[in-house]
Amino acid sequence: MKRVLILGGTSDARALASSVSDLPNYEVIYSLAGKTRKPGLPACEVRTGGFGGAEGLAAYLAEASIDLVVDATHPFAQTMASHAADACLVANTARVKFCRPAWPSDELGWISVKTYQEAAAKLSALGDRVFLSIGTKDLDAFSALADKWFLIRAVEQPALPIPLINHALLLERGPFDAAHDRTIMVTYQIDVLVSKNSGGTPVGKIQAAHHLNIPIIMIEQPGMPAGDVVSSINDVVGWLEAHS
């Protein structure tokens, strides 16, 4: 029986944990940072809370007799991905990064940027009412734009105040289809959409903005630590089998 630690927190990670749990010869531990108060959980052992950096994660891998690690955290969770890579190197534990392919821009089209600061700089000439669809963690980069109005969408009330002078907070849980997000953009008179390239099938907000001719600023996925990378649940299963 192989013990598999899945670093999760996304809908893909939950589906992955459920799929691997259904396979013989694998015991799954699903790890969450614990930042969302009512997360969806797979039917397996769940661990909640941080590890204490790469050193703490390496110690946990040894203490819990983890054989294999699947990093299925969000593509923009750079710190956790780096800690996982370093910890697995120290613990000599095989690791794979699960990441959906980035959305291609050839069909829908957008302005690609690498950082939140670059996205903020691009806003000046694109409109005054912004659907800032990046979560609530990295809003400081936009705090100097006092002449802009921002729509922020979140699953739950943020723990810290939103650092934007003019904004509205919309609390709702996805997934959202194009019709829903089209209604949101029309209702709030959105001029421009800022999104992160989370990958997979282009989501409703991207399709809605495209159909409404609303410009899109896309923050592209950051680079990942060296190592194995797969893009589907079947690929993860194949990797696990190859390392079992």
Protein backbone atom coordinates (compact mmCIF):
# COMPACT_ATOMS: atom_id res chain seq x y z
CA MET A 1 0.00 0.00 0.00
CA LYS A 2 1.49 3.33 -1.13
CA ARG A 3 0.77 6.44 0.92
CA VAL A 4 0.08 9.40 -1.34
CA LEU A 5 0.01 13.00 -0.15
CA ILE A 6 -2.09 15.25 -2.41
CA LEU A 7 -1.53 18.95 -1.84
CA GLY A 8 -4.92 20.33 -2.75
CA GLY A 9 -7.33 23.21 -2.47
CA THR A 10 -8.83 23.26 -5.98
CA SER A 11 -11.78 21.45 -7.56
CA ASP A 12 -9.33 19.47 -9.71
CA ALA A 13 -7.42 18.40 -6.60
CA ARG A 14 -10.62 17.14 -4.94
CA ALA A 15 -11.54 15.15 -8.04
CA LEU A 16 -8.02 13.79 -8.20
CA ALA A 17 -8.08 12.73 -4.53
CA SER A 18 -11.40 10.95 -5.03
CA SER A 19 -10.17 9.15 -8.14
CA VAL A 20 -6.93 7.96 -6.54
CA SER A 21 -8.76 6.92 -3.37
CA ASP A 22 -10.92 4.59 -5.46
CA LEU A 23 -7.85 2.75 -6.77
CA PRO A 24 -6.41 -0.29 -5.02
CA ASN A 25 -3.04 -0.08 -3.32
CA TYR A 26 -3.16 3.66 -2.58
CA GLU A 27 -3.86 5.38 0.72
CA VAL A 28 -4.56 9.07 0.11
CA ILE A 29 -3.98 11.97 2.47
CA TYR A 30 -5.52 15.19 1.13
CA SER A 31 -3.87 18.36 2.45
CA LEU A 32 -5.52 21.78 2.71
CA ALA A 33 -4.04 25.06 3.86
CA GLY A 34 -7.23 25.75 5.82
CA LYS A 35 -7.83 29.27 4.48
CA THR A 36 -11.35 28.52 3.18
CA ARG A 37 -13.84 28.03 6.00
CA LYS A 38 -16.17 25.58 4.19
CA PRO A 39 -14.09 23.78 1.57
CA GLY A 40 -15.31 20.86 -0.49
CA LEU A 41 -13.69 17.69 0.74
CA PRO A 42 -13.00 14.31 -0.90
CA ALA A 43 -13.84 11.02 0.79
CA CYS A 44 -10.38 10.27 2.17
CA GLU A 45 -8.14 11.28 5.05
CA VAL A 46 -7.89 15.08 5.19
CA ARG A 47 -5.12 17.12 6.77
CA THR A 48 -5.75 20.83 7.38
CA GLY A 49 -3.19 23.53 8.10
CA GLY A 50 0.30 24.53 7.03
CA PHE A 51 3.47 22.48 7.40
CA GLY A 52 5.88 25.20 8.45
CA GLY A 53 7.65 25.72 5.15
CA ALA A 54 9.77 23.26 3.21
CA GLU A 55 11.54 22.04 6.34
CA GLY A 56 8.26 21.28 8.09
CA LEU A 57 6.88 19.49 5.04
CA ALA A 58 10.02 17.37 4.73
CA ALA A 59 9.64 16.36 8.38
CA TYR A 60 5.96 15.48 7.82
CA LEU A 61 6.81 13.32 4.80
CA ALA A 62 9.16 11.28 6.97
CA GLU A 63 6.88 11.12 10.01
CA ALA A 64 3.81 10.13 8.00
CA SER A 65 5.73 7.62 5.84
CA ILE A 66 4.62 9.33 2.63
CA ASP A 67 5.73 7.44 -0.49
CA LEU A 68 4.54 9.80 -3.23
CA VAL A 69 3.52 13.47 -3.43
CA VAL A 70 1.13 15.05 -5.92
CA ASP A 71 1.22 18.85 -5.88
CA ALA A 72 -2.26 19.78 -7.12
CA THR A 73 -2.31 23.27 -5.65
CA HIS A 74 -3.38 26.26 -7.75
CA PRO A 75 -1.01 27.15 -10.62
CA PHE A 76 -0.39 30.51 -8.92
CA ALA A 77 0.52 28.98 -5.54
CA GLN A 78 4.23 29.48 -6.22
CA THR A 79 5.37 29.39 -2.60
CA MET A 80 3.70 26.06 -1.89
CA ALA A 81 5.01 24.56 -5.14
CA SER A 82 8.54 25.65 -4.25
CA HIS A 83 8.24 24.27 -0.72
CA ALA A 84 6.93 20.96 -2.05
CA ALA A 85 9.80 20.63 -4.50
CA ASP A 86 12.42 21.44 -1.86
CA ALA A 87 10.84 19.18 0.78
CA CYS A 88 10.60 16.19 -1.56
CA LEU A 89 14.23 16.68 -2.56
CA VAL A 90 15.30 16.63 1.09
CA ALA A 91 13.07 13.65 1.93
CA ASN A 92 13.95 11.80 -1.29
CA THR A 93 10.24 11.47 -2.08
CA ALA A 94 8.96 11.31 -5.66
CA ARG A 95 6.82 14.34 -6.60
CA VAL A 96 4.68 15.34 -9.56
CA LYS A 97 3.05 18.70 -10.27
CA PHE A 98 -0.52 18.50 -11.58
CA CYS A 99 -1.37 21.60 -13.59
CA ARG A 100 -4.01 22.10 -16.25
CA PRO A 101 -2.66 23.54 -19.52
CA ALA A 102 -2.89 27.32 -19.65
CA TRP A 103 -5.71 28.83 -21.70
CA PRO A 104 -4.53 29.65 -25.23
CA SER A 105 -5.09 33.20 -26.44
CA ASP A 106 -5.36 32.42 -30.14
CA GLU A 107 -9.18 32.13 -30.21
CA LEU A 108 -10.41 34.57 -27.55
CA GLY A 109 -7.56 37.05 -27.42
CA TRP A 110 -6.31 39.11 -24.49
CA ILE A 111 -3.49 41.29 -23.22
CA SER A 112 -0.92 39.02 -21.58
CA VAL A 113 1.04 40.20 -18.55
CA LYS A 114 3.38 38.47 -16.12
CA THR A 115 2.62 40.26 -12.85
CA TYR A 116 -0.19 41.95 -10.96
CA GLN A 117 1.74 45.22 -11.12
CA GLU A 118 1.93 44.98 -14.90
CA ALA A 119 -1.81 44.31 -15.04
CA ALA A 120 -2.49 47.42 -12.96
CA ALA A 121 -0.33 49.52 -15.28
CA LYS A 122 -2.31 48.33 -18.31
CA LEU A 123 -5.66 49.44 -16.84
CA SER A 124 -5.21 53.18 -17.31
CA ALA A 125 -6.27 53.23 -20.95
CA LEU A 126 -8.85 50.43 -20.92
CA GLY A 127 -11.75 51.62 -18.77
CA ASP A 128 -12.88 52.76 -15.34
CA ARG A 129 -15.02 49.83 -14.14
CA VAL A 130 -12.92 46.72 -13.63
CA PHE A 131 -13.94 43.14 -12.91
CA LEU A 132 -10.86 42.18 -10.90
CA SER A 133 -11.31 38.41 -10.94
CA ILE A 134 -8.10 37.34 -9.20
CA GLY A 135 -9.34 36.49 -5.71
CA THR A 136 -8.62 38.68 -2.69
CA LYS A 137 -4.97 37.88 -1.95
CA ASP A 138 -3.09 40.12 -4.39
CA LEU A 139 -5.17 43.30 -4.49
CA ASP A 140 -2.45 45.63 -3.16
CA ALA A 141 -1.01 45.97 -6.64
CA PHE A 142 -4.16 47.86 -7.66
CA SER A 143 -4.56 50.02 -4.54
CA ALA A 144 -3.01 53.13 -6.11
CA LEU A 145 -5.71 53.27 -8.82
CA ALA A 146 -8.06 55.58 -6.94
CA ASP A 147 -9.79 56.62 -10.18
CA LYS A 148 -10.94 53.06 -10.93
CA TRP A 149 -13.92 51.11 -9.58
CA PHE A 150 -13.42 47.39 -8.95
CA LEU A 151 -15.76 44.42 -8.71
CA ILE A 152 -14.23 41.72 -6.52
CA ARG A 153 -15.67 38.20 -6.43
CA ALA A 154 -14.94 35.79 -3.58
CA VAL A 155 -16.34 32.60 -2.10
CA GLU A 156 -16.47 34.10 1.39
CA GLN A 157 -15.81 37.34 3.25
CA PRO A 158 -12.06 38.09 3.24
CA ALA A 159 -10.30 38.04 6.59
CA LEU A 160 -8.56 41.36 5.84
CA PRO A 161 -10.07 44.61 4.53
CA ILE A 162 -9.97 45.06 0.77
CA PRO A 163 -7.28 47.68 0.03
CA LEU A 164 -9.22 49.41 -2.77
CA ILE A 165 -10.97 52.77 -2.34
CA ASN A 166 -13.82 52.16 -4.80
CA HIS A 167 -15.10 48.60 -4.99
CA ALA A 168 -17.97 46.18 -4.52
CA LEU A 169 -17.61 42.67 -3.11
CA LEU A 170 -19.66 39.89 -4.69
CA LEU A 171 -19.85 36.70 -2.63
CA GLU A 172 -20.72 33.61 -4.65
CA ARG A 173 -19.33 30.15 -5.25
CA GLY A 174 -18.59 28.82 -8.73
CA PRO A 175 -18.38 27.28 -11.17
CA PHE A 176 -19.95 30.05 -13.27
CA ASP A 177 -21.10 29.70 -16.86
CA ALA A 178 -20.84 32.34 -19.57
CA ALA A 179 -24.49 33.39 -19.25
CA HIS A 180 -24.10 34.06 -15.53
CA ASP A 181 -20.92 36.08 -15.96
CA ARG A 182 -22.36 37.98 -18.91
CA THR A 183 -25.20 39.09 -16.64
CA ILE A 184 -22.70 40.13 -13.97
CA MET A 185 -20.68 42.21 -16.44
CA VAL A 186 -23.73 43.91 -17.91
CA THR A 187 -25.30 44.60 -14.51
CA TYR A 188 -22.12 46.15 -13.11
CA GLN A 189 -21.29 47.94 -16.39
CA ILE A 190 -17.86 46.36 -16.58
CA ASP A 191 -15.33 47.96 -18.96
CA VAL A 192 -12.40 45.57 -18.55
CA LEU A 193 -11.72 42.13 -17.04
CA VAL A 194 -8.54 41.18 -15.18
CA SER A 195 -8.08 37.43 -14.76
CA LYS A 196 -5.46 34.84 -13.89
CA ASN A 197 -4.75 32.13 -16.45
CA SER A 198 -5.82 29.17 -14.33
CA GLY A 199 -5.96 26.81 -17.31
CA GLY A 200 -8.27 24.08 -18.48
CA THR A 201 -11.37 24.92 -20.49
CA PRO A 202 -11.81 28.71 -20.77
CA VAL A 203 -14.28 29.64 -18.04
CA GLY A 204 -17.49 31.68 -18.26
CA LYS A 205 -15.96 35.07 -17.49
CA ILE A 206 -13.50 34.80 -20.39
CA GLN A 207 -16.20 33.74 -22.84
CA ALA A 208 -18.60 36.42 -21.58
CA ALA A 209 -16.03 39.21 -21.86
CA HIS A 210 -15.13 38.08 -25.38
CA HIS A 211 -18.79 38.09 -26.48
CA LEU A 212 -19.33 41.56 -24.97
CA ASN A 213 -16.14 42.91 -26.58
CA ILE A 214 -14.73 43.71 -23.14
CA PRO A 215 -10.92 43.80 -23.15
CA ILE A 216 -9.21 41.14 -21.02
CA ILE A 217 -5.93 41.51 -19.16
CA MET A 218 -4.60 38.03 -18.49
CA ILE A 219 -1.98 37.33 -15.83
CA GLU A 220 -0.17 34.31 -17.23
CA GLN A 221 0.90 31.32 -15.15
CA PRO A 222 4.23 31.65 -13.36
CA GLY A 223 7.01 29.17 -13.91
CA MET A 224 7.05 25.95 -11.91
CA PRO A 225 9.88 24.20 -10.06
CA ALA A 226 11.84 21.61 -12.02
CA GLY A 227 10.39 18.10 -12.03
CA ASP A 228 7.60 16.01 -13.47
CA VAL A 229 4.49 17.90 -14.64
CA VAL A 230 1.21 16.34 -15.79
CA SER A 231 -2.04 17.89 -16.95
CA SER A 232 -4.81 15.34 -16.35
CA ILE A 233 -6.05 12.93 -13.71
CA ASN A 234 -5.23 10.00 -16.00
CA ASP A 235 -1.68 11.31 -16.29
CA VAL A 236 -1.41 11.44 -12.49
CA VAL A 237 -2.61 7.85 -12.22
CA GLY A 238 -0.05 6.82 -14.81
CA TRP A 239 2.69 8.60 -12.89
CA LEU A 240 1.65 6.92 -9.63
CA GLU A 241 1.66 3.50 -11.27
CA ALA A 242 5.12 4.16 -12.75
CA HIS A 243 6.43 5.04 -9.29
CA SER A 244 4.76 2.19 -7.39
